[in-house]
N, C-alpha and C. Protein backbone atom coordinates (compact mmCIF):
# COMPACT_ATOMS: atom_id res chain seq x y z
N MET A 1 -1.97 10.32 27.25
CA MET A 1 -2.09 9.81 25.89
C MET A 1 -1.02 10.45 24.99
N PRO A 2 -0.46 9.71 24.02
CA PRO A 2 0.55 10.29 23.14
C PRO A 2 -0.07 11.32 22.21
N ASP A 3 0.76 12.28 21.79
CA ASP A 3 0.30 13.27 20.83
C ASP A 3 -0.03 12.60 19.51
N THR A 4 -1.03 13.15 18.83
CA THR A 4 -1.34 12.70 17.47
C THR A 4 -1.46 13.91 16.57
N ALA A 5 -1.15 13.70 15.30
CA ALA A 5 -1.17 14.78 14.31
C ALA A 5 -1.95 14.33 13.09
N THR A 6 -2.16 15.25 12.18
CA THR A 6 -2.98 14.99 11.00
C THR A 6 -2.18 14.28 9.92
N ARG A 7 -2.81 13.30 9.31
CA ARG A 7 -2.25 12.62 8.14
C ARG A 7 -2.96 13.13 6.89
N TYR A 8 -2.17 13.55 5.91
CA TYR A 8 -2.68 13.86 4.57
C TYR A 8 -2.20 12.75 3.65
N LEU A 9 -3.14 11.98 3.14
CA LEU A 9 -2.80 10.85 2.27
C LEU A 9 -3.14 11.22 0.83
N TYR A 10 -2.10 11.31 0.01
CA TYR A 10 -2.26 11.61 -1.42
C TYR A 10 -2.29 10.26 -2.15
N LEU A 11 -3.29 10.07 -2.98
CA LEU A 11 -3.44 8.85 -3.74
C LEU A 11 -3.42 9.16 -5.23
N ALA A 12 -2.69 8.37 -5.99
CA ALA A 12 -2.65 8.56 -7.45
C ALA A 12 -2.66 7.21 -8.13
N ARG A 13 -3.50 7.10 -9.13
CA ARG A 13 -3.41 5.92 -9.99
C ARG A 13 -2.19 6.10 -10.90
N HIS A 14 -1.57 5.00 -11.27
CA HIS A 14 -0.43 5.05 -12.18
C HIS A 14 -0.80 5.75 -13.50
N GLY A 15 0.21 6.18 -14.24
CA GLY A 15 -0.02 6.75 -15.56
C GLY A 15 -0.51 5.70 -16.55
N GLU A 16 -0.86 6.17 -17.73
CA GLU A 16 -1.37 5.27 -18.77
C GLU A 16 -0.37 4.14 -19.02
N ALA A 17 -0.86 2.90 -19.02
CA ALA A 17 0.02 1.74 -19.08
C ALA A 17 0.13 1.19 -20.50
N ALA A 18 1.32 0.67 -20.82
CA ALA A 18 1.52 -0.01 -22.09
C ALA A 18 0.73 -1.31 -22.10
N PRO A 19 0.15 -1.70 -23.24
CA PRO A 19 -0.67 -2.91 -23.29
C PRO A 19 0.06 -4.19 -22.89
N ASP A 20 1.39 -4.22 -23.09
CA ASP A 20 2.13 -5.44 -22.78
C ASP A 20 2.55 -5.54 -21.31
N GLY A 21 2.15 -4.56 -20.51
CA GLY A 21 2.47 -4.61 -19.08
C GLY A 21 3.89 -4.21 -18.73
N SER A 22 4.63 -3.68 -19.69
CA SER A 22 6.05 -3.37 -19.45
C SER A 22 6.27 -2.07 -18.70
N GLY A 23 5.25 -1.26 -18.55
CA GLY A 23 5.42 0.03 -17.90
C GLY A 23 4.45 1.03 -18.48
N LEU A 24 4.91 2.26 -18.66
CA LEU A 24 4.05 3.34 -19.11
C LEU A 24 4.22 3.63 -20.60
N THR A 25 3.17 4.15 -21.18
CA THR A 25 3.26 4.71 -22.52
C THR A 25 3.94 6.08 -22.43
N ALA A 26 4.20 6.68 -23.60
CA ALA A 26 4.76 8.04 -23.60
C ALA A 26 3.80 9.00 -22.91
N ALA A 27 2.50 8.83 -23.15
CA ALA A 27 1.51 9.67 -22.48
C ALA A 27 1.53 9.44 -20.98
N GLY A 28 1.67 8.18 -20.57
CA GLY A 28 1.73 7.88 -19.14
C GLY A 28 2.93 8.50 -18.45
N ARG A 29 4.05 8.53 -19.14
CA ARG A 29 5.24 9.17 -18.56
C ARG A 29 5.02 10.68 -18.41
N ARG A 30 4.39 11.29 -19.39
CA ARG A 30 4.09 12.73 -19.28
C ARG A 30 3.14 12.98 -18.12
N GLN A 31 2.13 12.14 -17.99
CA GLN A 31 1.19 12.28 -16.88
C GLN A 31 1.91 12.22 -15.53
N ALA A 32 2.81 11.28 -15.39
CA ALA A 32 3.53 11.11 -14.12
C ALA A 32 4.39 12.34 -13.81
N VAL A 33 5.09 12.83 -14.80
CA VAL A 33 5.94 14.01 -14.59
C VAL A 33 5.10 15.22 -14.20
N LEU A 34 3.98 15.41 -14.87
CA LEU A 34 3.12 16.56 -14.58
C LEU A 34 2.51 16.44 -13.18
N LEU A 35 2.15 15.24 -12.77
CA LEU A 35 1.65 15.07 -11.41
C LEU A 35 2.76 15.37 -10.40
N GLY A 36 3.96 14.91 -10.68
CA GLY A 36 5.08 15.21 -9.79
C GLY A 36 5.32 16.70 -9.65
N ARG A 37 5.23 17.42 -10.77
CA ARG A 37 5.41 18.88 -10.71
C ARG A 37 4.32 19.54 -9.88
N ARG A 38 3.11 19.02 -9.99
CA ARG A 38 2.03 19.59 -9.18
C ARG A 38 2.30 19.40 -7.69
N LEU A 39 2.87 18.26 -7.34
CA LEU A 39 3.09 17.95 -5.93
C LEU A 39 4.42 18.48 -5.39
N ALA A 40 5.22 19.10 -6.24
CA ALA A 40 6.58 19.49 -5.85
C ALA A 40 6.62 20.48 -4.69
N ASP A 41 5.56 21.28 -4.52
CA ASP A 41 5.58 22.25 -3.42
C ASP A 41 4.83 21.75 -2.19
N ARG A 42 4.43 20.50 -2.20
CA ARG A 42 3.77 19.92 -1.04
C ARG A 42 4.82 19.26 -0.14
N PRO A 43 4.60 19.22 1.16
CA PRO A 43 5.62 18.67 2.08
C PRO A 43 5.58 17.14 2.17
N ILE A 44 5.58 16.49 1.04
CA ILE A 44 5.53 15.02 1.01
C ILE A 44 6.87 14.45 1.45
N THR A 45 6.82 13.52 2.37
CA THR A 45 8.06 12.93 2.91
C THR A 45 8.29 11.50 2.46
N ALA A 46 7.28 10.86 1.85
CA ALA A 46 7.43 9.47 1.41
C ALA A 46 6.50 9.19 0.25
N VAL A 47 7.00 8.38 -0.69
CA VAL A 47 6.19 7.90 -1.81
C VAL A 47 6.21 6.37 -1.75
N HIS A 48 5.03 5.78 -1.65
CA HIS A 48 4.88 4.34 -1.64
C HIS A 48 4.25 3.92 -2.98
N HIS A 49 4.62 2.77 -3.50
CA HIS A 49 4.03 2.33 -4.76
C HIS A 49 3.89 0.82 -4.79
N GLY A 50 2.97 0.36 -5.61
CA GLY A 50 2.79 -1.07 -5.80
C GLY A 50 3.91 -1.66 -6.62
N PRO A 51 4.02 -3.01 -6.64
CA PRO A 51 5.16 -3.66 -7.29
C PRO A 51 5.08 -3.75 -8.81
N LEU A 52 3.93 -3.54 -9.42
CA LEU A 52 3.83 -3.68 -10.87
C LEU A 52 4.59 -2.55 -11.57
N PRO A 53 5.14 -2.83 -12.77
CA PRO A 53 5.98 -1.83 -13.45
C PRO A 53 5.29 -0.49 -13.66
N ARG A 54 4.02 -0.48 -13.98
CA ARG A 54 3.34 0.79 -14.25
C ARG A 54 3.28 1.68 -13.01
N ALA A 55 3.11 1.08 -11.84
CA ALA A 55 3.09 1.86 -10.61
C ALA A 55 4.50 2.27 -10.20
N ALA A 56 5.46 1.36 -10.33
CA ALA A 56 6.84 1.67 -9.96
C ALA A 56 7.41 2.78 -10.82
N GLN A 57 7.16 2.74 -12.13
CA GLN A 57 7.69 3.76 -13.02
C GLN A 57 7.03 5.11 -12.75
N THR A 58 5.72 5.10 -12.51
CA THR A 58 5.03 6.35 -12.18
C THR A 58 5.62 6.97 -10.92
N ALA A 59 5.82 6.16 -9.89
CA ALA A 59 6.37 6.67 -8.63
C ALA A 59 7.77 7.23 -8.81
N ARG A 60 8.58 6.55 -9.61
CA ARG A 60 9.95 7.04 -9.83
C ARG A 60 9.94 8.40 -10.52
N LEU A 61 9.10 8.56 -11.53
CA LEU A 61 9.03 9.84 -12.25
C LEU A 61 8.49 10.95 -11.35
N ILE A 62 7.52 10.62 -10.53
CA ILE A 62 7.02 11.63 -9.57
C ILE A 62 8.12 11.98 -8.58
N GLY A 63 8.81 10.97 -8.07
CA GLY A 63 9.87 11.22 -7.10
C GLY A 63 10.96 12.12 -7.63
N GLU A 64 11.27 12.00 -8.92
CA GLU A 64 12.29 12.87 -9.52
C GLU A 64 11.87 14.34 -9.47
N GLN A 65 10.59 14.59 -9.54
CA GLN A 65 10.10 15.97 -9.47
C GLN A 65 10.06 16.50 -8.04
N LEU A 66 10.01 15.60 -7.08
CA LEU A 66 9.93 16.00 -5.67
C LEU A 66 11.29 16.29 -5.07
N GLY A 67 12.34 15.83 -5.71
CA GLY A 67 13.68 16.05 -5.17
C GLY A 67 14.23 14.81 -4.51
N GLY A 68 15.53 14.82 -4.28
CA GLY A 68 16.22 13.63 -3.79
C GLY A 68 15.94 13.28 -2.36
N GLY A 69 15.31 14.16 -1.58
CA GLY A 69 15.11 13.88 -0.17
C GLY A 69 13.88 13.06 0.15
N VAL A 70 13.09 12.70 -0.86
CA VAL A 70 11.86 11.96 -0.63
C VAL A 70 12.09 10.49 -0.94
N ALA A 71 11.87 9.62 0.03
CA ALA A 71 12.07 8.19 -0.16
C ALA A 71 10.95 7.61 -1.02
N VAL A 72 11.32 6.80 -2.00
CA VAL A 72 10.36 6.11 -2.87
C VAL A 72 10.54 4.61 -2.64
N SER A 73 9.48 3.93 -2.20
CA SER A 73 9.63 2.52 -1.83
C SER A 73 8.41 1.72 -2.25
N VAL A 74 8.64 0.45 -2.53
CA VAL A 74 7.58 -0.46 -2.94
C VAL A 74 6.89 -1.04 -1.71
N CYS A 75 5.58 -1.29 -1.82
CA CYS A 75 4.87 -1.96 -0.73
C CYS A 75 3.74 -2.81 -1.32
N ALA A 76 3.55 -3.98 -0.76
CA ALA A 76 2.55 -4.92 -1.26
C ALA A 76 1.14 -4.37 -1.13
N GLU A 77 0.89 -3.58 -0.11
CA GLU A 77 -0.47 -3.06 0.12
C GLU A 77 -0.96 -2.19 -1.03
N ALA A 78 -0.03 -1.63 -1.82
CA ALA A 78 -0.41 -0.76 -2.93
C ALA A 78 -0.53 -1.50 -4.25
N ASP A 79 -0.58 -2.81 -4.22
CA ASP A 79 -0.67 -3.62 -5.43
C ASP A 79 -2.08 -3.53 -6.03
N ASP A 80 -2.26 -4.21 -7.16
CA ASP A 80 -3.54 -4.23 -7.88
C ASP A 80 -4.31 -5.48 -7.47
N TYR A 81 -5.44 -5.33 -6.78
CA TYR A 81 -6.21 -6.46 -6.29
C TYR A 81 -7.65 -6.04 -6.01
N VAL A 82 -8.52 -7.02 -5.91
CA VAL A 82 -9.91 -6.78 -5.51
C VAL A 82 -9.95 -6.68 -3.99
N PRO A 83 -10.28 -5.52 -3.42
CA PRO A 83 -10.20 -5.37 -1.97
C PRO A 83 -11.33 -6.03 -1.19
N HIS A 84 -12.46 -6.20 -1.85
CA HIS A 84 -13.60 -6.82 -1.17
C HIS A 84 -14.51 -7.41 -2.23
N LEU A 85 -14.80 -8.69 -2.12
CA LEU A 85 -15.69 -9.37 -3.05
C LEU A 85 -17.04 -9.53 -2.36
N PRO A 86 -18.02 -8.71 -2.70
CA PRO A 86 -19.28 -8.73 -1.95
C PRO A 86 -20.18 -9.89 -2.38
N PRO A 87 -20.88 -10.48 -1.44
CA PRO A 87 -21.95 -11.42 -1.81
C PRO A 87 -23.15 -10.64 -2.34
N ARG A 88 -24.01 -11.31 -3.06
CA ARG A 88 -25.18 -10.64 -3.63
C ARG A 88 -26.01 -9.94 -2.56
N SER A 89 -26.08 -10.52 -1.38
CA SER A 89 -26.92 -9.95 -0.32
C SER A 89 -26.48 -8.56 0.10
N GLU A 90 -25.20 -8.19 -0.13
CA GLU A 90 -24.71 -6.86 0.23
C GLU A 90 -25.10 -5.80 -0.80
N LEU A 91 -25.41 -6.21 -2.00
CA LEU A 91 -25.49 -5.28 -3.12
C LEU A 91 -26.91 -4.78 -3.35
N PRO A 92 -27.04 -3.55 -3.85
CA PRO A 92 -28.37 -3.05 -4.22
C PRO A 92 -28.97 -3.91 -5.34
N GLU A 93 -30.23 -4.20 -5.23
CA GLU A 93 -30.87 -5.10 -6.18
C GLU A 93 -30.76 -4.60 -7.62
N ASP A 94 -30.86 -3.28 -7.81
CA ASP A 94 -30.90 -2.76 -9.17
C ASP A 94 -29.55 -2.82 -9.89
N SER A 95 -28.46 -2.99 -9.16
CA SER A 95 -27.14 -3.03 -9.81
C SER A 95 -26.33 -4.27 -9.46
N ALA A 96 -26.92 -5.21 -8.73
CA ALA A 96 -26.18 -6.39 -8.29
C ALA A 96 -25.67 -7.20 -9.47
N GLU A 97 -26.48 -7.41 -10.48
CA GLU A 97 -26.06 -8.23 -11.62
C GLU A 97 -24.85 -7.63 -12.31
N PHE A 98 -24.88 -6.34 -12.52
CA PHE A 98 -23.76 -5.67 -13.19
C PHE A 98 -22.48 -5.84 -12.39
N MET A 99 -22.52 -5.62 -11.09
CA MET A 99 -21.32 -5.69 -10.28
C MET A 99 -20.81 -7.12 -10.15
N LEU A 100 -21.71 -8.07 -10.04
CA LEU A 100 -21.28 -9.47 -9.93
C LEU A 100 -20.65 -9.96 -11.24
N ARG A 101 -21.16 -9.49 -12.38
CA ARG A 101 -20.52 -9.84 -13.65
C ARG A 101 -19.13 -9.24 -13.73
N PHE A 102 -18.98 -8.02 -13.27
CA PHE A 102 -17.69 -7.34 -13.28
C PHE A 102 -16.64 -8.11 -12.48
N LEU A 103 -17.06 -8.73 -11.40
CA LEU A 103 -16.15 -9.42 -10.49
C LEU A 103 -16.13 -10.93 -10.69
N ALA A 104 -16.80 -11.41 -11.72
CA ALA A 104 -17.02 -12.85 -11.87
C ALA A 104 -15.74 -13.65 -12.00
N ASP A 105 -14.67 -13.07 -12.51
CA ASP A 105 -13.43 -13.81 -12.72
C ASP A 105 -12.54 -13.86 -11.47
N THR A 106 -12.95 -13.22 -10.40
CA THR A 106 -12.16 -13.22 -9.17
C THR A 106 -12.30 -14.55 -8.45
N THR A 107 -11.20 -15.24 -8.25
CA THR A 107 -11.23 -16.53 -7.57
C THR A 107 -11.32 -16.34 -6.06
N ALA A 108 -11.66 -17.42 -5.37
CA ALA A 108 -11.72 -17.36 -3.91
C ALA A 108 -10.35 -17.03 -3.32
N GLU A 109 -9.30 -17.59 -3.91
CA GLU A 109 -7.95 -17.30 -3.43
C GLU A 109 -7.60 -15.83 -3.63
N GLU A 110 -7.93 -15.30 -4.81
CA GLU A 110 -7.67 -13.87 -5.08
C GLU A 110 -8.46 -12.99 -4.13
N ALA A 111 -9.70 -13.37 -3.86
CA ALA A 111 -10.54 -12.58 -2.97
C ALA A 111 -9.97 -12.54 -1.55
N ALA A 112 -9.52 -13.68 -1.07
CA ALA A 112 -8.94 -13.73 0.28
C ALA A 112 -7.66 -12.92 0.35
N HIS A 113 -6.82 -13.06 -0.66
CA HIS A 113 -5.56 -12.31 -0.71
C HIS A 113 -5.84 -10.81 -0.76
N GLY A 114 -6.77 -10.40 -1.62
CA GLY A 114 -7.09 -8.98 -1.74
C GLY A 114 -7.68 -8.41 -0.47
N ARG A 115 -8.54 -9.17 0.18
CA ARG A 115 -9.15 -8.70 1.43
C ARG A 115 -8.08 -8.47 2.49
N ALA A 116 -7.13 -9.39 2.60
CA ALA A 116 -6.06 -9.23 3.59
C ALA A 116 -5.22 -7.99 3.30
N LEU A 117 -4.86 -7.78 2.03
CA LEU A 117 -4.07 -6.61 1.68
C LEU A 117 -4.85 -5.32 1.90
N ALA A 118 -6.14 -5.33 1.60
CA ALA A 118 -6.96 -4.13 1.78
C ALA A 118 -7.04 -3.72 3.25
N LEU A 119 -7.18 -4.69 4.13
CA LEU A 119 -7.21 -4.38 5.56
C LEU A 119 -5.87 -3.84 6.03
N ARG A 120 -4.79 -4.42 5.50
CA ARG A 120 -3.45 -3.91 5.85
C ARG A 120 -3.25 -2.49 5.32
N ALA A 121 -3.75 -2.23 4.12
CA ALA A 121 -3.60 -0.88 3.54
C ALA A 121 -4.33 0.15 4.39
N ALA A 122 -5.54 -0.16 4.81
CA ALA A 122 -6.28 0.78 5.65
C ALA A 122 -5.57 1.02 6.98
N ALA A 123 -5.02 -0.05 7.56
CA ALA A 123 -4.30 0.10 8.84
C ALA A 123 -3.03 0.91 8.66
N ARG A 124 -2.35 0.73 7.53
CA ARG A 124 -1.06 1.39 7.32
C ARG A 124 -1.19 2.85 6.91
N PHE A 125 -2.21 3.17 6.10
CA PHE A 125 -2.25 4.48 5.45
C PHE A 125 -3.34 5.41 5.93
N THR A 126 -4.22 5.00 6.82
CA THR A 126 -5.30 5.88 7.25
C THR A 126 -5.22 6.15 8.74
N GLY A 127 -5.95 7.17 9.17
CA GLY A 127 -5.99 7.56 10.57
C GLY A 127 -4.92 8.59 10.90
N PRO A 128 -5.09 9.33 11.99
CA PRO A 128 -4.06 10.26 12.45
C PRO A 128 -2.75 9.54 12.74
N VAL A 129 -1.67 10.31 12.83
CA VAL A 129 -0.34 9.74 13.05
C VAL A 129 0.16 10.11 14.44
N GLU A 130 1.02 9.28 14.97
CA GLU A 130 1.61 9.57 16.27
C GLU A 130 2.61 10.71 16.17
N GLY A 131 2.69 11.51 17.23
CA GLY A 131 3.64 12.62 17.27
C GLY A 131 2.95 13.95 17.06
N ALA A 132 3.75 15.00 17.04
CA ALA A 132 3.22 16.35 16.91
C ALA A 132 3.30 16.89 15.50
N GLN A 133 3.92 16.14 14.56
CA GLN A 133 4.17 16.63 13.20
C GLN A 133 3.16 16.02 12.22
N ASP A 134 2.47 16.89 11.47
CA ASP A 134 1.59 16.38 10.42
C ASP A 134 2.39 15.59 9.39
N ARG A 135 1.75 14.61 8.78
CA ARG A 135 2.43 13.78 7.79
C ARG A 135 1.73 13.89 6.43
N HIS A 136 2.54 14.05 5.39
CA HIS A 136 2.06 14.08 4.00
C HIS A 136 2.77 12.95 3.27
N GLU A 137 2.01 11.98 2.76
CA GLU A 137 2.62 10.87 2.04
C GLU A 137 1.78 10.52 0.81
N LEU A 138 2.44 10.01 -0.19
CA LEU A 138 1.80 9.68 -1.47
C LEU A 138 1.83 8.17 -1.67
N VAL A 139 0.71 7.61 -2.13
CA VAL A 139 0.64 6.21 -2.54
C VAL A 139 0.29 6.16 -4.01
N VAL A 140 1.18 5.60 -4.82
CA VAL A 140 0.93 5.41 -6.25
C VAL A 140 0.45 3.98 -6.42
N THR A 141 -0.78 3.83 -6.88
CA THR A 141 -1.41 2.52 -6.83
C THR A 141 -2.34 2.33 -8.01
N HIS A 142 -3.45 1.64 -7.79
CA HIS A 142 -4.38 1.27 -8.84
C HIS A 142 -5.79 1.70 -8.44
N ALA A 143 -6.68 1.68 -9.41
CA ALA A 143 -8.01 2.25 -9.18
C ALA A 143 -8.77 1.57 -8.05
N PHE A 144 -8.64 0.24 -7.93
CA PHE A 144 -9.43 -0.46 -6.92
C PHE A 144 -9.05 -0.03 -5.50
N LEU A 145 -7.76 0.11 -5.23
CA LEU A 145 -7.36 0.49 -3.88
C LEU A 145 -7.76 1.93 -3.58
N ILE A 146 -7.68 2.81 -4.56
CA ILE A 146 -8.13 4.18 -4.33
C ILE A 146 -9.60 4.18 -3.94
N GLY A 147 -10.42 3.44 -4.68
CA GLY A 147 -11.83 3.35 -4.33
C GLY A 147 -12.04 2.79 -2.93
N TRP A 148 -11.25 1.77 -2.57
CA TRP A 148 -11.37 1.17 -1.24
C TRP A 148 -11.03 2.16 -0.14
N LEU A 149 -9.96 2.92 -0.31
CA LEU A 149 -9.56 3.85 0.75
C LEU A 149 -10.49 5.05 0.84
N VAL A 150 -11.05 5.50 -0.27
CA VAL A 150 -12.07 6.55 -0.21
C VAL A 150 -13.30 6.02 0.53
N ARG A 151 -13.73 4.81 0.20
CA ARG A 151 -14.86 4.19 0.90
C ARG A 151 -14.59 4.09 2.40
N HIS A 152 -13.37 3.64 2.75
CA HIS A 152 -12.99 3.51 4.15
C HIS A 152 -13.05 4.87 4.86
N THR A 153 -12.55 5.89 4.20
CA THR A 153 -12.53 7.23 4.78
C THR A 153 -13.93 7.74 5.10
N LEU A 154 -14.88 7.40 4.26
CA LEU A 154 -16.26 7.88 4.44
C LEU A 154 -17.12 6.90 5.24
N ASP A 155 -16.52 5.80 5.74
CA ASP A 155 -17.27 4.78 6.49
C ASP A 155 -18.46 4.26 5.69
N ALA A 156 -18.28 4.12 4.39
CA ALA A 156 -19.33 3.60 3.53
C ALA A 156 -19.34 2.07 3.60
N PRO A 157 -20.41 1.42 3.15
CA PRO A 157 -20.44 -0.05 3.15
C PRO A 157 -19.25 -0.63 2.37
N ALA A 158 -18.85 -1.83 2.75
CA ALA A 158 -17.64 -2.42 2.16
C ALA A 158 -17.71 -2.55 0.65
N TRP A 159 -18.89 -2.83 0.10
CA TRP A 159 -19.00 -3.01 -1.35
C TRP A 159 -18.85 -1.70 -2.11
N ARG A 160 -18.89 -0.56 -1.41
CA ARG A 160 -19.02 0.72 -2.10
C ARG A 160 -17.72 1.21 -2.75
N TRP A 161 -16.64 0.43 -2.66
CA TRP A 161 -15.45 0.75 -3.46
C TRP A 161 -15.78 0.64 -4.94
N LEU A 162 -16.76 -0.18 -5.26
CA LEU A 162 -17.21 -0.30 -6.64
C LEU A 162 -17.90 1.00 -7.07
N GLY A 163 -17.58 1.45 -8.25
CA GLY A 163 -18.16 2.69 -8.76
C GLY A 163 -17.36 3.92 -8.44
N LEU A 164 -16.29 3.79 -7.64
CA LEU A 164 -15.39 4.91 -7.35
C LEU A 164 -14.17 4.77 -8.26
N ASN A 165 -14.22 5.42 -9.39
CA ASN A 165 -13.21 5.24 -10.42
C ASN A 165 -12.10 6.29 -10.30
N ALA A 166 -10.92 5.94 -10.78
CA ALA A 166 -9.78 6.86 -10.77
C ALA A 166 -9.13 6.86 -12.15
N ALA A 167 -8.92 8.03 -12.71
CA ALA A 167 -8.25 8.15 -14.00
C ALA A 167 -6.74 8.05 -13.81
N ASN A 168 -6.04 7.77 -14.88
CA ASN A 168 -4.57 7.70 -14.82
C ASN A 168 -3.99 9.02 -14.35
N ALA A 169 -3.12 8.96 -13.35
CA ALA A 169 -2.40 10.12 -12.79
C ALA A 169 -3.32 11.17 -12.21
N ALA A 170 -4.57 10.80 -11.92
CA ALA A 170 -5.46 11.71 -11.20
C ALA A 170 -5.10 11.70 -9.72
N LEU A 171 -5.43 12.79 -9.05
CA LEU A 171 -5.04 12.98 -7.65
C LEU A 171 -6.26 12.95 -6.73
N THR A 172 -6.16 12.15 -5.68
CA THR A 172 -7.14 12.12 -4.60
C THR A 172 -6.39 12.38 -3.30
N VAL A 173 -6.97 13.20 -2.43
CA VAL A 173 -6.32 13.52 -1.16
C VAL A 173 -7.31 13.29 -0.02
N LEU A 174 -6.88 12.51 0.97
CA LEU A 174 -7.68 12.20 2.14
C LEU A 174 -7.03 12.85 3.37
N ARG A 175 -7.86 13.25 4.32
CA ARG A 175 -7.35 13.90 5.53
C ARG A 175 -7.87 13.18 6.76
N PHE A 176 -6.96 12.87 7.67
CA PHE A 176 -7.29 12.19 8.92
C PHE A 176 -6.76 13.04 10.07
N ALA A 177 -7.65 13.83 10.67
CA ALA A 177 -7.25 14.76 11.72
C ALA A 177 -7.74 14.28 13.07
N PRO A 178 -6.93 14.41 14.11
CA PRO A 178 -7.37 14.00 15.45
C PRO A 178 -8.64 14.72 15.87
N GLY A 179 -9.59 13.96 16.38
CA GLY A 179 -10.80 14.56 16.92
C GLY A 179 -11.78 15.07 15.88
N ARG A 180 -11.55 14.76 14.60
CA ARG A 180 -12.46 15.21 13.55
C ARG A 180 -12.80 14.05 12.63
N PRO A 181 -13.94 14.13 11.94
CA PRO A 181 -14.24 13.07 10.98
C PRO A 181 -13.20 13.05 9.85
N SER A 182 -12.84 11.87 9.40
CA SER A 182 -11.96 11.79 8.23
C SER A 182 -12.68 12.38 7.03
N SER A 183 -11.91 12.91 6.07
CA SER A 183 -12.54 13.64 4.98
C SER A 183 -11.81 13.43 3.67
N VAL A 184 -12.56 13.60 2.58
CA VAL A 184 -12.01 13.56 1.23
C VAL A 184 -11.85 15.01 0.78
N LEU A 185 -10.60 15.46 0.65
CA LEU A 185 -10.34 16.84 0.25
C LEU A 185 -10.39 17.02 -1.27
N VAL A 186 -9.87 16.03 -1.98
CA VAL A 186 -9.79 16.09 -3.45
C VAL A 186 -10.11 14.69 -3.97
N LEU A 187 -10.86 14.61 -5.06
CA LEU A 187 -11.22 13.32 -5.63
C LEU A 187 -11.02 13.35 -7.15
N ASN A 188 -10.13 12.50 -7.65
CA ASN A 188 -9.95 12.30 -9.09
C ASN A 188 -9.63 13.60 -9.82
N ASP A 189 -8.83 14.45 -9.21
CA ASP A 189 -8.50 15.76 -9.77
C ASP A 189 -7.44 15.61 -10.86
N GLN A 190 -7.70 16.21 -12.02
CA GLN A 190 -6.79 16.13 -13.15
C GLN A 190 -6.38 17.51 -13.66
N ALA A 191 -6.45 18.51 -12.79
CA ALA A 191 -6.17 19.88 -13.22
C ALA A 191 -4.74 20.06 -13.70
N HIS A 192 -3.83 19.19 -13.29
CA HIS A 192 -2.42 19.29 -13.69
C HIS A 192 -2.17 18.72 -15.08
N LEU A 193 -3.18 18.10 -15.67
CA LEU A 193 -3.01 17.45 -16.98
C LEU A 193 -3.69 18.28 -18.07
N PRO A 194 -3.05 18.38 -19.24
CA PRO A 194 -3.74 19.02 -20.37
C PRO A 194 -4.89 18.14 -20.84
N GLU A 195 -5.78 18.72 -21.61
CA GLU A 195 -7.00 18.02 -22.00
C GLU A 195 -6.74 16.66 -22.63
N GLU A 196 -5.71 16.57 -23.47
CA GLU A 196 -5.47 15.32 -24.19
C GLU A 196 -4.96 14.19 -23.28
N LEU A 197 -4.54 14.52 -22.06
CA LEU A 197 -4.04 13.50 -21.13
C LEU A 197 -5.03 13.18 -20.02
N ARG A 198 -6.21 13.79 -20.07
CA ARG A 198 -7.20 13.55 -19.03
C ARG A 198 -8.10 12.36 -19.38
N TRP A 199 -8.60 11.72 -18.33
CA TRP A 199 -9.61 10.67 -18.43
C TRP A 199 -9.11 9.39 -19.07
N THR A 200 -7.80 9.25 -19.28
CA THR A 200 -7.33 7.96 -19.77
C THR A 200 -7.51 6.92 -18.66
N GLY A 201 -7.73 5.69 -19.07
CA GLY A 201 -8.03 4.64 -18.12
C GLY A 201 -9.50 4.53 -17.80
N PHE A 202 -10.33 5.42 -18.35
CA PHE A 202 -11.78 5.38 -18.17
C PHE A 202 -12.43 4.90 -19.46
N PRO A 203 -13.53 4.16 -19.37
CA PRO A 203 -14.30 3.89 -20.58
C PRO A 203 -14.89 5.20 -21.11
N PRO A 204 -15.11 5.29 -22.42
CA PRO A 204 -15.56 6.56 -23.02
C PRO A 204 -16.81 7.15 -22.35
N GLU A 205 -17.74 6.31 -21.93
CA GLU A 205 -18.99 6.84 -21.38
C GLU A 205 -18.82 7.51 -20.02
N LEU A 206 -17.66 7.32 -19.38
CA LEU A 206 -17.42 7.93 -18.07
C LEU A 206 -16.51 9.15 -18.16
N ARG A 207 -16.11 9.53 -19.34
CA ARG A 207 -15.23 10.69 -19.49
C ARG A 207 -16.07 11.96 -19.57
N ILE A 208 -15.69 12.93 -18.78
CA ILE A 208 -16.48 14.16 -18.67
C ILE A 208 -15.67 15.34 -19.19
């Protein structure tokens, strides 16, 4: 059998986005730079990001802090999409109405497209890696995909990406080691951000 090594997958939601969709606000740019500085001493060899301006700009600013040797590239799997549209029968009775209302605007076409990308993302970014060298890579993406990959890591039901929220420029780290259960090392960590830059992208009632 070929050698396999541990994958460390760093996940970050983009920085605070401008309302017009053009990219990041001034606060979002600061968040991205501070996250990049936090990751500067980690052995990250690749940064992947979704195609939307807010993710691309966040990845570029992080990459500048990591140094010129780290490749920064766009990938469709890191885009913003609904990864799984659950039928009512999958959902807990006490919260089904809330979740179905949240997803009510998702079309069948969007659901199929998102499901395909979510499966590709899990295949591309999770599990141990071939070879003898551990891999550290960063994906700059959106809250839904972070929730989906955390759910995947924990082998939770498919609908359980719902309720796993990610703040702007917060850090989540997943570990996939050969012969061991996959694990969540860090979830929604914002220690690199000053108080005024934390919890953006969350509704007020979820800010702690």
